[in-house]
């Protein structure tokens, strides 16, 4: 993902990601955990934003949602 210098970035916290993607907290953590049977390597990786805080880049979440929409349309 390349970022344009003039493009503003927004970090989403877990509650925002839950709202955006419609998945539960535990499912999101499973999607980012390679040891989970529900691991999804295409799901955006979180970034560390503090000592014990993570977040997701908004554009990465939007791109993932768009890819899932395209994928579902290709099966129709």
PDB file of N, CA and C in Angstrom:
ATOM      1  N   UNK A   1       0.860  -1.177   0.000  1.00  0.00           N
ATOM      2  CA  UNK A   1       0.000   0.000   0.000  1.00  0.00           C
ATOM      3  C   UNK A   1       0.897   1.228   0.000  1.00  0.00           C
ATOM      4  N   UNK A   2       0.781   2.064  -1.024  1.00  0.00           N
ATOM      5  CA  UNK A   2       1.549   3.300  -1.038  1.00  0.00           C
ATOM      6  C   UNK A   2       0.650   4.449  -0.618  1.00  0.00           C
ATOM      7  N   UNK A   3       1.221   5.365   0.117  1.00  0.00           N
ATOM      8  CA  UNK A   3       0.470   6.482   0.675  1.00  0.00           C
ATOM      9  C   UNK A   3       0.902   7.769  -0.016  1.00  0.00           C
ATOM     10  N   UNK A   4      -0.051   8.505  -0.525  1.00  0.00           N
ATOM     11  CA  UNK A   4       0.233   9.822  -1.084  1.00  0.00           C
ATOM     12  C   UNK A   4       0.516  10.771   0.067  1.00  0.00           C
ATOM     13  N   UNK A   5       1.520  11.650  -0.074  1.00  0.00           N
ATOM     14  CA  UNK A   5       1.832  12.572   1.022  1.00  0.00           C
ATOM     15  C   UNK A   5       0.651  13.445   1.451  1.00  0.00           C
ATOM     16  N   UNK A   6      -0.208  13.808   0.519  1.00  0.00           N
ATOM     17  CA  UNK A   6      -1.334  14.671   0.866  1.00  0.00           C
ATOM     18  C   UNK A   6      -2.529  13.894   1.414  1.00  0.00           C
ATOM     19  N   UNK A   7      -2.473  12.566   1.296  1.00  0.00           N
ATOM     20  CA  UNK A   7      -3.574  11.725   1.761  1.00  0.00           C
ATOM     21  C   UNK A   7      -3.525  11.627   3.283  1.00  0.00           C
ATOM     22  N   UNK A   8      -4.648  11.907   3.929  1.00  0.00           N
ATOM     23  CA  UNK A   8      -4.659  11.807   5.388  1.00  0.00           C
ATOM     24  C   UNK A   8      -4.918  10.359   5.788  1.00  0.00           C
ATOM     25  N   UNK A   9      -4.269   9.933   6.845  1.00  0.00           N
ATOM     26  CA  UNK A   9      -4.420   8.577   7.348  1.00  0.00           C
ATOM     27  C   UNK A   9      -5.244   8.597   8.616  1.00  0.00           C
ATOM     28  N   UNK A  10      -6.018   7.547   8.786  1.00  0.00           N
ATOM     29  CA  UNK A  10      -6.805   7.418  10.001  1.00  0.00           C
ATOM     30  C   UNK A  10      -6.598   6.014  10.543  1.00  0.00           C
ATOM     31  N   UNK A  11      -6.365   5.935  11.824  1.00  0.00           N
ATOM     32  CA  UNK A  11      -6.211   4.644  12.489  1.00  0.00           C
ATOM     33  C   UNK A  11      -7.533   4.300  13.154  1.00  0.00           C
ATOM     34  N   UNK A  12      -8.021   3.101  12.856  1.00  0.00           N
ATOM     35  CA  UNK A  12      -9.266   2.627  13.465  1.00  0.00           C
ATOM     36  C   UNK A  12      -8.930   1.730  14.640  1.00  0.00           C
ATOM     37  N   UNK A  13      -9.639   1.920  15.715  1.00  0.00           N
ATOM     38  CA  UNK A  13      -9.510   1.035  16.863  1.00  0.00           C
ATOM     39  C   UNK A  13     -10.424  -0.165  16.650  1.00  0.00           C
ATOM     40  N   UNK A  14     -10.290  -1.170  17.505  1.00  0.00           N
ATOM     41  CA  UNK A  14     -11.015  -2.427  17.340  1.00  0.00           C
ATOM     42  C   UNK A  14     -12.522  -2.219  17.225  1.00  0.00           C
ATOM     43  N   UNK A  15     -13.097  -1.374  18.069  1.00  0.00           N
ATOM     44  CA  UNK A  15     -14.559  -1.184  18.014  1.00  0.00           C
ATOM     45  C   UNK A  15     -15.002  -0.649  16.649  1.00  0.00           C
ATOM     46  N   UNK A  16     -14.156   0.206  16.022  1.00  0.00           N
ATOM     47  CA  UNK A  16     -14.475   0.739  14.698  1.00  0.00           C
ATOM     48  C   UNK A  16     -14.360  -0.344  13.626  1.00  0.00           C
ATOM     49  N   UNK A  17     -13.343  -1.207  13.758  1.00  0.00           N
ATOM     50  CA  UNK A  17     -13.157  -2.305  12.805  1.00  0.00           C
ATOM     51  C   UNK A  17     -14.329  -3.274  12.905  1.00  0.00           C
ATOM     52  N   UNK A  18     -14.746  -3.579  14.133  1.00  0.00           N
ATOM     53  CA  UNK A  18     -15.897  -4.462  14.347  1.00  0.00           C
ATOM     54  C   UNK A  18     -17.122  -3.903  13.628  1.00  0.00           C
ATOM     55  N   UNK A  19     -17.354  -2.617  13.779  1.00  0.00           N
ATOM     56  CA  UNK A  19     -18.489  -1.965  13.139  1.00  0.00           C
ATOM     57  C   UNK A  19     -18.375  -2.009  11.621  1.00  0.00           C
ATOM     58  N   UNK A  20     -17.181  -1.752  11.109  1.00  0.00           N
ATOM     59  CA  UNK A  20     -16.966  -1.686   9.663  1.00  0.00           C
ATOM     60  C   UNK A  20     -17.122  -3.031   8.973  1.00  0.00           C
ATOM     61  N   UNK A  21     -16.516  -4.080   9.554  1.00  0.00           N
ATOM     62  CA  UNK A  21     -16.481  -5.369   8.861  1.00  0.00           C
ATOM     63  C   UNK A  21     -17.597  -6.316   9.277  1.00  0.00           C
ATOM     64  N   UNK A  22     -18.249  -6.032  10.389  1.00  0.00           N
ATOM     65  CA  UNK A  22     -19.362  -6.877  10.818  1.00  0.00           C
ATOM     66  C   UNK A  22     -18.933  -8.200  11.418  1.00  0.00           C
ATOM     67  N   UNK A  23     -17.702  -8.275  11.894  1.00  0.00           N
ATOM     68  CA  UNK A  23     -17.205  -9.485  12.545  1.00  0.00           C
ATOM     69  C   UNK A  23     -17.068  -9.225  14.043  1.00  0.00           C
ATOM     70  N   UNK A  24     -17.090 -10.288  14.807  1.00  0.00           N
ATOM     71  CA  UNK A  24     -16.931 -10.144  16.260  1.00  0.00           C
ATOM     72  C   UNK A  24     -15.462  -9.915  16.616  1.00  0.00           C
ATOM     73  N   UNK A  25     -15.241  -9.493  17.846  1.00  0.00           N
ATOM     74  CA  UNK A  25     -13.894  -9.258  18.352  1.00  0.00           C
ATOM     75  C   UNK A  25     -13.043 -10.516  18.233  1.00  0.00           C
ATOM     76  N   UNK A  26     -13.590 -11.645  18.679  1.00  0.00           N
ATOM     77  CA  UNK A  26     -12.819 -12.891  18.657  1.00  0.00           C
ATOM     78  C   UNK A  26     -12.522 -13.340  17.222  1.00  0.00           C
ATOM     79  N   UNK A  27     -13.449 -13.129  16.312  1.00  0.00           N
ATOM     80  CA  UNK A  27     -13.222 -13.504  14.916  1.00  0.00           C
ATOM     81  C   UNK A  27     -12.123 -12.651  14.300  1.00  0.00           C
ATOM     82  N   UNK A  28     -12.110 -11.370  14.603  1.00  0.00           N
ATOM     83  CA  UNK A  28     -11.052 -10.494  14.092  1.00  0.00           C
ATOM     84  C   UNK A  28      -9.694 -10.963  14.599  1.00  0.00           C
ATOM     85  N   UNK A  29      -9.605 -11.265  15.898  1.00  0.00           N
ATOM     86  CA  UNK A  29      -8.335 -11.755  16.431  1.00  0.00           C
ATOM     87  C   UNK A  29      -7.952 -13.097  15.817  1.00  0.00           C
ATOM     88  N   UNK A  30      -8.921 -13.955  15.535  1.00  0.00           N
ATOM     89  CA  UNK A  30      -8.636 -15.213  14.836  1.00  0.00           C
ATOM     90  C   UNK A  30      -8.115 -14.957  13.429  1.00  0.00           C
ATOM     91  N   UNK A  31      -8.695 -13.996  12.748  1.00  0.00           N
ATOM     92  CA  UNK A  31      -8.277 -13.684  11.372  1.00  0.00           C
ATOM     93  C   UNK A  31      -6.831 -13.204  11.285  1.00  0.00           C
ATOM     94  N   UNK A  32      -6.312 -12.600  12.364  1.00  0.00           N
ATOM     95  CA  UNK A  32      -4.936 -12.095  12.347  1.00  0.00           C
ATOM     96  C   UNK A  32      -3.947 -13.033  13.047  1.00  0.00           C
ATOM     97  N   UNK A  33      -4.443 -14.160  13.568  1.00  0.00           N
ATOM     98  CA  UNK A  33      -3.602 -15.111  14.289  1.00  0.00           C
ATOM     99  C   UNK A  33      -3.264 -16.304  13.391  1.00  0.00           C
ATOM    100  N   UNK A  34      -2.007 -16.398  12.944  1.00  0.00           N
ATOM    101  CA  UNK A  34      -1.633 -17.507  12.043  1.00  0.00           C
ATOM    102  C   UNK A  34      -1.854 -18.898  12.635  1.00  0.00           C
ATOM    103  N   UNK A  35      -1.950 -19.008  13.952  1.00  0.00           N
ATOM    104  CA  UNK A  35      -2.164 -20.311  14.590  1.00  0.00           C
ATOM    105  C   UNK A  35      -3.634 -20.704  14.642  1.00  0.00           C
ATOM    106  N   UNK A  36      -4.517 -19.785  14.270  1.00  0.00           N
ATOM    107  CA  UNK A  36      -5.954 -20.052  14.312  1.00  0.00           C
ATOM    108  C   UNK A  36      -6.411 -20.756  13.037  1.00  0.00           C
ATOM    109  N   UNK A  37      -7.407 -21.614  13.179  1.00  0.00           N
ATOM    110  CA  UNK A  37      -7.981 -22.265  11.989  1.00  0.00           C
ATOM    111  C   UNK A  37      -8.762 -21.269  11.132  1.00  0.00           C
ATOM    112  N   UNK A  38      -9.111 -20.113  11.727  1.00  0.00           N
ATOM    113  CA  UNK A  38      -9.849 -19.081  10.983  1.00  0.00           C
ATOM    114  C   UNK A  38      -8.931 -17.960  10.489  1.00  0.00           C
ATOM    115  N   UNK A  39      -7.615 -18.208  10.500  1.00  0.00           N
ATOM    116  CA  UNK A  39      -6.641 -17.220  10.042  1.00  0.00           C
ATOM    117  C   UNK A  39      -6.921 -16.853   8.581  1.00  0.00           C
ATOM    118  N   UNK A  40      -6.835 -15.562   8.292  1.00  0.00           N
ATOM    119  CA  UNK A  40      -7.041 -15.061   6.931  1.00  0.00           C
ATOM    120  C   UNK A  40      -5.879 -14.122   6.607  1.00  0.00           C
ATOM    121  N   UNK A  41      -4.948 -14.615   5.793  1.00  0.00           N
ATOM    122  CA  UNK A  41      -3.766 -13.803   5.505  1.00  0.00           C
ATOM    123  C   UNK A  41      -4.103 -12.523   4.745  1.00  0.00           C
ATOM    124  N   UNK A  42      -5.294 -12.461   4.161  1.00  0.00           N
ATOM    125  CA  UNK A  42      -5.687 -11.240   3.438  1.00  0.00           C
ATOM    126  C   UNK A  42      -6.251 -10.170   4.376  1.00  0.00           C
ATOM    127  N   UNK A  43      -6.585 -10.560   5.619  1.00  0.00           N
ATOM    128  CA  UNK A  43      -7.136  -9.583   6.555  1.00  0.00           C
ATOM    129  C   UNK A  43      -6.035  -8.613   6.956  1.00  0.00           C
ATOM    130  N   UNK A  44      -6.321  -7.306   6.970  1.00  0.00           N
ATOM    131  CA  UNK A  44      -5.286  -6.316   7.295  1.00  0.00           C
ATOM    132  C   UNK A  44      -4.649  -6.558   8.662  1.00  0.00           C
ATOM    133  N   UNK A  45      -3.348  -6.383   8.694  1.00  0.00           N
ATOM    134  CA  UNK A  45      -2.596  -6.542   9.937  1.00  0.00           C
ATOM    135  C   UNK A  45      -2.714  -5.261  10.757  1.00  0.00           C
ATOM    136  N   UNK A  46      -2.855  -5.396  12.063  1.00  0.00           N
ATOM    137  CA  UNK A  46      -2.902  -4.200  12.905  1.00  0.00           C
ATOM    138  C   UNK A  46      -1.509  -3.595  13.061  1.00  0.00           C
ATOM    139  N   UNK A  47      -1.489  -2.341  13.482  1.00  0.00           N
ATOM    140  CA  UNK A  47      -0.236  -1.671  13.798  1.00  0.00           C
ATOM    141  C   UNK A  47      -0.235  -1.337  15.280  1.00  0.00           C
ATOM    142  N   UNK A  48       0.931  -1.276  15.856  1.00  0.00           N
ATOM    143  CA  UNK A  48       1.062  -0.935  17.272  1.00  0.00           C
ATOM    144  C   UNK A  48       1.010   0.584  17.388  1.00  0.00           C
ATOM    145  N   UNK A  49       0.094   1.084  18.216  1.00  0.00           N
ATOM    146  CA  UNK A  49      -0.033   2.542  18.381  1.00  0.00           C
ATOM    147  C   UNK A  49       0.263   2.993  19.810  1.00  0.00           C
ATOM    148  N   UNK A  50       0.624   2.052  20.636  1.00  0.00           N
ATOM    149  CA  UNK A  50       0.948   2.362  22.030  1.00  0.00           C
ATOM    150  C   UNK A  50       1.505   1.132  22.705  1.00  0.00           C
ATOM    151  N   UNK A  51       1.804   1.250  23.975  1.00  0.00           N
ATOM    152  CA  UNK A  51       2.385   0.130  24.717  1.00  0.00           C
ATOM    153  C   UNK A  51       1.489  -1.101  24.680  1.00  0.00           C
ATOM    154  N   UNK A  52       0.195  -0.901  24.786  1.00  0.00           N
ATOM    155  CA  UNK A  52      -0.731  -2.037  24.764  1.00  0.00           C
ATOM    156  C   UNK A  52      -1.927  -1.760  23.870  1.00  0.00           C
ATOM    157  N   UNK A  53      -1.706  -0.961  22.839  1.00  0.00           N
ATOM    158  CA  UNK A  53      -2.808  -0.604  21.945  1.00  0.00           C
ATOM    159  C   UNK A  53      -2.436  -0.888  20.490  1.00  0.00           C
ATOM    160  N   UNK A  54      -3.414  -1.409  19.759  1.00  0.00           N
ATOM    161  CA  UNK A  54      -3.231  -1.624  18.324  1.00  0.00           C
ATOM    162  C   UNK A  54      -4.368  -0.940  17.583  1.00  0.00           C
ATOM    163  N   UNK A  55      -4.153  -0.743  16.305  1.00  0.00           N
ATOM    164  CA  UNK A  55      -5.170  -0.158  15.448  1.00  0.00           C
ATOM    165  C   UNK A  55      -4.947  -0.628  14.026  1.00  0.00           C
ATOM    166  N   UNK A  56      -5.882  -0.319  13.159  1.00  0.00           N
ATOM    167  CA  UNK A  56      -5.810  -0.697  11.763  1.00  0.00           C
ATOM    168  C   UNK A  56      -5.888   0.557  10.910  1.00  0.00           C
ATOM    169  N   UNK A  57      -5.133   0.596   9.827  1.00  0.00           N
ATOM    170  CA  UNK A  57      -5.200   1.709   8.896  1.00  0.00           C
ATOM    171  C   UNK A  57      -6.547   1.623   8.168  1.00  0.00           C
ATOM    172  N   UNK A  58      -7.307   2.703   8.194  1.00  0.00           N
ATOM    173  CA  UNK A  58      -8.649   2.729   7.626  1.00  0.00           C
ATOM    174  C   UNK A  58      -8.668   2.290   6.164  1.00  0.00           C
ATOM    175  N   UNK A  59      -7.712   2.768   5.383  1.00  0.00           N
ATOM    176  CA  UNK A  59      -7.703   2.417   3.957  1.00  0.00           C
ATOM    177  C   UNK A  59      -7.485   0.920   3.745  1.00  0.00           C
ATOM    178  N   UNK A  60      -6.715   0.274   4.621  1.00  0.00           N
ATOM    179  CA  UNK A  60      -6.500  -1.172   4.513  1.00  0.00           C
ATOM    180  C   UNK A  60      -7.796  -1.940   4.773  1.00  0.00           C
ATOM    181  N   UNK A  61      -8.549  -1.491   5.753  1.00  0.00           N
ATOM    182  CA  UNK A  61      -9.837  -2.121   6.054  1.00  0.00           C
ATOM    183  C   UNK A  61     -10.795  -1.924   4.880  1.00  0.00           C
ATOM    184  N   UNK A  62     -10.837  -0.722   4.329  1.00  0.00           N
ATOM    185  CA  UNK A  62     -11.714  -0.440   3.180  1.00  0.00           C
ATOM    186  C   UNK A  62     -11.333  -1.293   1.977  1.00  0.00           C
ATOM    187  N   UNK A  63     -10.041  -1.432   1.715  1.00  0.00           N
ATOM    188  CA  UNK A  63      -9.580  -2.261   0.596  1.00  0.00           C
ATOM    189  C   UNK A  63      -9.962  -3.719   0.807  1.00  0.00           C
ATOM    190  N   UNK A  64      -9.866  -4.207   2.043  1.00  0.00           N
ATOM    191  CA  UNK A  64     -10.226  -5.591   2.330  1.00  0.00           C
ATOM    192  C   UNK A  64     -11.720  -5.813   2.091  1.00  0.00           C
ATOM    193  N   UNK A  65     -12.541  -4.869   2.533  1.00  0.00           N
ATOM    194  CA  UNK A  65     -13.989  -4.967   2.314  1.00  0.00           C
ATOM    195  C   UNK A  65     -14.284  -4.989   0.813  1.00  0.00           C
ATOM    196  N   UNK A  66     -13.654  -4.087   0.058  1.00  0.00           N
ATOM    197  CA  UNK A  66     -13.855  -4.046  -1.397  1.00  0.00           C
ATOM    198  C   UNK A  66     -13.440  -5.353  -2.051  1.00  0.00           C
ATOM    199  N   UNK A  67     -12.344  -5.954  -1.589  1.00  0.00           N
ATOM    200  CA  UNK A  67     -11.901  -7.226  -2.171  1.00  0.00           C
ATOM    201  C   UNK A  67     -12.910  -8.339  -1.893  1.00  0.00           C
ATOM    202  N   UNK A  68     -13.519  -8.307  -0.704  1.00  0.00           N
ATOM    203  CA  UNK A  68     -14.535  -9.314  -0.372  1.00  0.00           C
ATOM    204  C   UNK A  68     -15.796  -9.120  -1.222  1.00  0.00           C
ATOM    205  N   UNK A  69     -16.144  -7.884  -1.505  1.00  0.00           N
ATOM    206  CA  UNK A  69     -17.296  -7.604  -2.369  1.00  0.00           C
ATOM    207  C   UNK A  69     -17.025  -8.133  -3.774  1.00  0.00           C
ATOM    208  N   UNK A  70     -15.838  -7.826  -4.318  1.00  0.00           N
ATOM    209  CA  UNK A  70     -15.475  -8.312  -5.657  1.00  0.00           C
ATOM    210  C   UNK A  70     -15.448  -9.828  -5.699  1.00  0.00           C
ATOM    211  N   UNK A  71     -14.908 -10.434  -4.651  1.00  0.00           N
ATOM    212  CA  UNK A  71     -14.839 -11.890  -4.576  1.00  0.00           C
ATOM    213  C   UNK A  71     -16.237 -12.506  -4.559  1.00  0.00           C
ATOM    214  N   UNK A  72     -17.153 -11.903  -3.823  1.00  0.00           N
ATOM    215  CA  UNK A  72     -18.509 -12.455  -3.752  1.00  0.00           C
ATOM    216  C   UNK A  72     -19.242 -12.291  -5.080  1.00  0.00           C
ATOM    217  N   UNK A  73     -18.953 -11.219  -5.800  1.00  0.00           N
ATOM    218  CA  UNK A  73     -19.591 -11.006  -7.101  1.00  0.00           C
ATOM    219  C   UNK A  73     -19.056 -11.966  -8.159  1.00  0.00           C
ATOM    220  N   UNK A  74     -17.826 -12.405  -7.997  1.00  0.00           N
ATOM    221  CA  UNK A  74     -17.261 -13.335  -8.974  1.00  0.00           C
ATOM    222  C   UNK A  74     -17.854 -14.735  -8.836  1.00  0.00           C
ATOM    223  N   UNK A  75     -18.448 -15.030  -7.689  1.00  0.00           N
ATOM    224  CA  UNK A  75     -19.090 -16.327  -7.483  1.00  0.00           C
ATOM    225  C   UNK A  75     -20.547 -16.332  -7.928  1.00  0.00           C
ATOM    226  N   UNK A  76     -21.099 -15.166  -8.179  1.00  0.00           N
ATOM    227  CA  UNK A  76     -22.527 -15.066  -8.525  1.00  0.00           C
ATOM    228  C   UNK A  76     -22.814 -15.530  -9.924  1.00  0.00           C
TER     229      UNK A  76
END
